[in-house]
Amino acid sequence: MDFDSNDYLRMRDIKLQEPISHQKIGHLEILIHWIFMISEKNNLNTKTIELAAILTKIYISKNQISQDSLQLLGIASLMIAVKFNECQTQINMNVDDCASQCNFEFSSTQILEMEMSILSLIEFDVNITTITDYYNGQTIHSDLILFVTLDSDFLYYQKYELFEAITNFYSQDTQSMPIKIQNVIYKINQKINNLTQTERNKKQKIRRKKISKRKFRIARQSKISNILQQKYDFNQNL
């Protein structure tokens, strides 16, 4: 990637300035996971998921929003992202489709009003840099991009910092990289290790339960066999 295109992407690489409260971050994570599930169901691109998540984060950082309206914000953000990113894929998500994704909890008018509210906030400029944009046609690491997009601990990093960390995540030598990028790589690695360990613990618990059930079943069968044997011996002695 030449300097000019990289410089352009950084210029449009939004960094959240306003701190988001702990309670809002909890709601935000749930909302972005919901956006991801809807996107997966509709075969949307990684960039579309990223953009919808960015729009959601920007809106929540600058506005008070009730818990009842979070899903409305999410579906309106996703509708904008689909319009902007999915032109070539021929995937369409109109307002009626969006209402359907929310089980018709919101009317078409409410969704369109939220869409306008989001667009007004960003001054109708949806061309916001995502991590995917930095790949410039190269094979992207979708799994890691989605990993950091869905995790609120990476909320305040700029996209080029996350791109550098993801690109060099599997590198054997990270010492020459800027400290901030090293820290992001370390954080991603720690979180993946924690998730892996949690998954192992779950499997061990399931295995222990299976072993306990098997032992219980064997003990029960042995007890039944003993009772039957005792009955047989008793009948024989009559």
Protein backbone atom coordinates (compact mmCIF):
# COMPACT_ATOMS: atom_id res chain seq x y z
CA MET A 1 0.00 0.00 0.00
CA ASP A 2 1.48 3.38 -0.96
CA PHE A 3 1.80 6.25 1.49
CA ASP A 4 -1.03 8.33 0.00
CA SER A 5 -3.72 5.66 0.39
CA ASN A 6 -2.49 4.77 3.86
CA ASP A 7 -2.51 8.43 4.85
CA TYR A 8 -6.06 8.81 3.51
CA LEU A 9 -7.28 5.82 5.53
CA ARG A 10 -5.71 7.17 8.72
CA MET A 11 -7.33 10.54 8.11
CA ARG A 12 -10.75 8.84 8.12
CA ASP A 13 -9.83 6.47 10.98
CA ILE A 14 -12.14 7.64 13.76
CA LYS A 15 -10.94 7.39 17.36
CA LEU A 16 -13.60 7.56 20.05
CA GLN A 17 -12.88 10.59 22.22
CA GLU A 18 -15.80 10.47 24.63
CA PRO A 19 -15.50 7.82 27.37
CA ILE A 20 -18.38 5.34 27.49
CA SER A 21 -19.75 4.32 30.88
CA HIS A 22 -19.29 0.75 32.11
CA GLN A 23 -23.04 0.13 31.91
CA LYS A 24 -23.18 1.41 28.32
CA ILE A 25 -20.21 -0.76 27.35
CA GLY A 26 -22.06 -3.84 28.63
CA HIS A 27 -25.09 -2.94 26.51
CA LEU A 28 -22.82 -2.15 23.56
CA GLU A 29 -21.15 -5.58 23.63
CA ILE A 30 -24.52 -7.35 23.66
CA LEU A 31 -25.75 -5.17 20.80
CA ILE A 32 -22.66 -5.74 18.62
CA HIS A 33 -22.89 -9.51 19.18
CA TRP A 34 -26.52 -9.29 18.03
CA ILE A 35 -25.44 -7.34 14.92
CA PHE A 36 -22.86 -10.05 14.25
CA MET A 37 -25.47 -12.82 14.49
CA ILE A 38 -27.86 -11.01 12.14
CA SER A 39 -24.97 -10.39 9.73
CA GLU A 40 -23.88 -14.02 9.77
CA LYS A 41 -27.44 -15.13 9.07
CA ASN A 42 -27.58 -12.82 6.06
CA ASN A 43 -24.04 -13.61 4.77
CA LEU A 44 -22.82 -10.03 5.14
CA ASN A 45 -19.18 -9.03 4.68
CA THR A 46 -16.76 -8.49 7.56
CA LYS A 47 -16.42 -4.82 6.56
CA THR A 48 -20.20 -4.40 6.84
CA ILE A 49 -20.18 -5.82 10.38
CA GLU A 50 -17.28 -3.51 11.28
CA LEU A 51 -19.00 -0.41 9.91
CA ALA A 52 -22.28 -1.20 11.68
CA ALA A 53 -20.34 -1.67 14.94
CA ILE A 54 -18.47 1.64 14.44
CA LEU A 55 -21.70 3.56 13.81
CA THR A 56 -23.23 2.02 16.92
CA LYS A 57 -20.20 2.93 19.05
CA ILE A 58 -20.13 6.52 17.77
CA TYR A 59 -23.84 7.00 18.47
CA ILE A 60 -23.70 5.53 21.99
CA SER A 61 -20.60 7.61 22.85
CA LYS A 62 -22.41 10.85 21.96
CA ASN A 63 -26.04 10.15 22.95
CA GLN A 64 -28.14 8.91 25.81
CA ILE A 65 -30.16 5.93 24.63
CA SER A 66 -32.60 3.75 26.53
CA GLN A 67 -32.10 0.00 26.74
CA ASP A 68 -35.37 -0.48 24.84
CA SER A 69 -33.95 1.43 21.86
CA LEU A 70 -30.61 -0.40 21.61
CA GLN A 71 -31.85 -2.94 19.08
CA LEU A 72 -33.35 -0.12 17.04
CA LEU A 73 -29.93 1.56 16.95
CA GLY A 74 -28.28 -1.73 15.95
CA ILE A 75 -30.60 -2.53 13.06
CA ALA A 76 -30.51 1.05 11.73
CA SER A 77 -26.68 1.01 11.85
CA LEU A 78 -26.65 -2.31 10.04
CA MET A 79 -29.05 -1.03 7.37
CA ILE A 80 -26.73 1.93 6.68
CA ALA A 81 -23.68 -0.37 6.53
CA VAL A 82 -25.43 -2.73 4.08
CA LYS A 83 -26.42 0.17 1.80
CA PHE A 84 -22.83 1.42 1.79
CA ASN A 85 -20.91 -1.86 1.55
CA GLU A 86 -23.03 -4.56 -0.06
CA CYS A 87 -23.72 -2.95 -3.47
CA GLN A 88 -21.51 -5.41 -5.36
CA THR A 89 -22.81 -8.47 -3.52
CA GLN A 90 -26.42 -7.65 -4.50
CA ILE A 91 -27.46 -8.18 -0.88
CA ASN A 92 -30.33 -5.88 -0.04
CA MET A 93 -31.71 -5.08 3.39
CA ASN A 94 -34.61 -2.64 3.12
CA VAL A 95 -36.55 -1.19 6.01
CA ASP A 96 -39.14 -3.98 5.96
CA ASP A 97 -36.35 -6.60 6.13
CA CYS A 98 -34.90 -4.73 9.11
CA ALA A 99 -38.26 -4.65 10.88
CA SER A 100 -38.52 -8.41 10.31
CA GLN A 101 -35.05 -8.98 11.84
CA CYS A 102 -36.34 -7.27 15.01
CA ASN A 103 -39.53 -9.38 15.05
CA PHE A 104 -41.44 -6.20 14.16
CA GLU A 105 -40.79 -4.64 17.58
CA PHE A 106 -40.06 -1.38 15.73
CA SER A 107 -42.02 0.19 12.91
CA SER A 108 -40.52 1.18 9.56
CA THR A 109 -40.93 4.82 10.58
CA GLN A 110 -38.93 4.31 13.79
CA ILE A 111 -36.11 2.57 11.90
CA LEU A 112 -35.94 5.33 9.27
CA GLU A 113 -35.94 8.01 11.96
CA MET A 114 -33.04 6.29 13.76
CA GLU A 115 -31.20 5.95 10.45
CA MET A 116 -31.56 9.70 9.89
CA SER A 117 -30.41 10.40 13.45
CA ILE A 118 -27.22 8.36 12.91
CA LEU A 119 -26.51 9.93 9.52
CA SER A 120 -27.03 13.44 10.91
CA LEU A 121 -24.57 12.69 13.71
CA ILE A 122 -21.82 11.67 11.26
CA GLU A 123 -22.81 14.45 8.85
CA PHE A 124 -23.90 11.89 6.25
CA ASP A 125 -20.29 10.76 5.76
CA VAL A 126 -20.38 6.95 5.98
CA ASN A 127 -16.95 6.46 4.41
CA ILE A 128 -15.36 5.60 7.75
CA THR A 129 -12.17 3.53 7.85
CA THR A 130 -12.48 -0.07 9.03
CA ILE A 131 -9.71 -2.56 9.79
CA THR A 132 -10.60 -4.38 6.55
CA ASP A 133 -9.83 -1.25 4.48
CA TYR A 134 -6.14 -1.43 5.43
CA TYR A 135 -5.77 -4.83 3.74
CA ASN A 136 -6.25 -3.22 0.32
CA GLY A 137 -7.17 -6.45 -1.49
CA GLN A 138 -4.90 -8.74 0.56
CA THR A 139 -6.32 -11.80 2.30
CA ILE A 140 -7.90 -10.55 5.50
CA HIS A 141 -7.81 -12.19 8.92
CA SER A 142 -11.59 -12.16 9.39
CA ASP A 143 -11.51 -14.19 12.60
CA LEU A 144 -9.19 -11.75 14.40
CA ILE A 145 -10.91 -8.68 12.93
CA LEU A 146 -14.25 -9.88 14.28
CA PHE A 147 -12.61 -10.86 17.57
CA VAL A 148 -11.44 -7.30 18.29
CA THR A 149 -14.64 -5.77 16.85
CA LEU A 150 -16.82 -7.76 19.25
CA ASP A 151 -14.67 -7.11 22.33
CA SER A 152 -15.10 -3.75 24.10
CA ASP A 153 -11.53 -3.84 25.45
CA PHE A 154 -10.39 -2.75 21.98
CA LEU A 155 -12.94 0.06 21.81
CA TYR A 156 -10.56 3.03 22.01
CA TYR A 157 -7.87 1.84 19.60
CA GLN A 158 -7.69 3.25 16.11
CA LYS A 159 -8.24 0.83 13.25
CA TYR A 160 -4.68 1.07 11.91
CA GLU A 161 -3.35 0.05 15.35
CA LEU A 162 -5.63 -3.00 15.37
CA PHE A 163 -4.67 -3.75 11.75
CA GLU A 164 -0.94 -3.69 12.61
CA ALA A 165 -1.51 -5.93 15.64
CA ILE A 166 -3.63 -8.44 13.70
CA THR A 167 -1.23 -8.51 10.74
CA ASN A 168 1.72 -9.23 13.03
CA PHE A 169 -0.15 -11.43 15.49
CA TYR A 170 1.55 -14.63 14.28
CA SER A 171 4.96 -13.00 13.89
CA GLN A 172 7.86 -14.53 15.81
CA ASP A 173 9.53 -11.17 16.30
CA THR A 174 7.43 -8.32 17.70
CA GLN A 175 10.19 -6.53 19.62
CA SER A 176 10.87 -4.03 16.82
CA MET A 177 7.23 -2.92 16.73
CA PRO A 178 5.89 0.13 18.59
CA ILE A 179 5.02 -0.54 22.23
CA LYS A 180 1.34 0.19 21.64
CA ILE A 181 1.13 -2.46 18.89
CA GLN A 182 2.98 -4.95 21.12
CA ASN A 183 0.44 -4.27 23.87
CA VAL A 184 -2.49 -4.91 21.51
CA ILE A 185 -0.91 -8.19 20.33
CA TYR A 186 -0.36 -9.21 23.96
CA LYS A 187 -3.95 -8.34 24.87
CA ILE A 188 -5.37 -10.35 21.94
CA ASN A 189 -3.17 -13.30 22.85
CA GLN A 190 -4.17 -13.17 26.52
CA LYS A 191 -7.86 -13.05 25.69
CA ILE A 192 -7.61 -15.97 23.26
CA ASN A 193 -5.68 -18.00 25.86
CA ASN A 194 -8.31 -17.20 28.51
CA LEU A 195 -11.12 -18.26 26.18
CA THR A 196 -9.24 -21.44 25.27
CA GLN A 197 -8.71 -22.26 28.95
CA THR A 198 -12.37 -21.57 29.72
CA GLU A 199 -13.37 -23.90 26.89
CA ARG A 200 -11.04 -26.61 28.23
CA ASN A 201 -12.49 -26.22 31.73
CA LYS A 202 -16.01 -26.58 30.32
CA LYS A 203 -15.02 -29.74 28.47
CA GLN A 204 -13.39 -31.14 31.62
CA LYS A 205 -16.55 -30.42 33.62
CA ILE A 206 -18.65 -32.15 30.97
CA ARG A 207 -16.23 -35.08 30.99
CA ARG A 208 -16.35 -35.30 34.80
CA LYS A 209 -20.14 -35.27 34.67
CA LYS A 210 -20.10 -38.04 32.08
CA ILE A 211 -17.69 -40.08 34.21
CA SER A 212 -19.86 -39.50 37.31
CA LYS A 213 -22.98 -40.52 35.40
CA ARG A 214 -21.20 -43.61 34.10
CA LYS A 215 -20.03 -44.55 37.60
CA PHE A 216 -23.55 -43.98 38.94
CA ARG A 217 -25.00 -46.11 36.13
CA ILE A 218 -22.49 -48.91 36.79
CA ALA A 219 -23.17 -48.77 40.54
CA ARG A 220 -26.93 -48.82 39.93
CA GLN A 221 -26.64 -51.78 37.55
CA SER A 222 -24.45 -53.60 40.08
CA LYS A 223 -26.98 -52.95 42.83
CA ILE A 224 -29.84 -54.23 40.64
CA SER A 225 -27.80 -57.33 39.77
CA ASN A 226 -27.16 -58.01 43.47
CA ILE A 227 -30.86 -57.67 44.30
CA LEU A 228 -31.80 -60.03 41.48
CA GLN A 229 -29.13 -62.50 42.58
CA GLN A 230 -30.42 -62.37 46.15
CA LYS A 231 -33.98 -63.03 44.92
CA TYR A 232 -32.74 -65.94 42.83
CA ASP A 233 -30.82 -67.43 45.77
CA PHE A 234 -33.85 -66.99 48.01
CA ASN A 235 -36.12 -68.81 45.54
CA GLN A 236 -33.60 -71.59 45.19
CA ASN A 237 -33.59 -72.15 48.92
CA LEU A 238 -37.39 -72.51 49.11
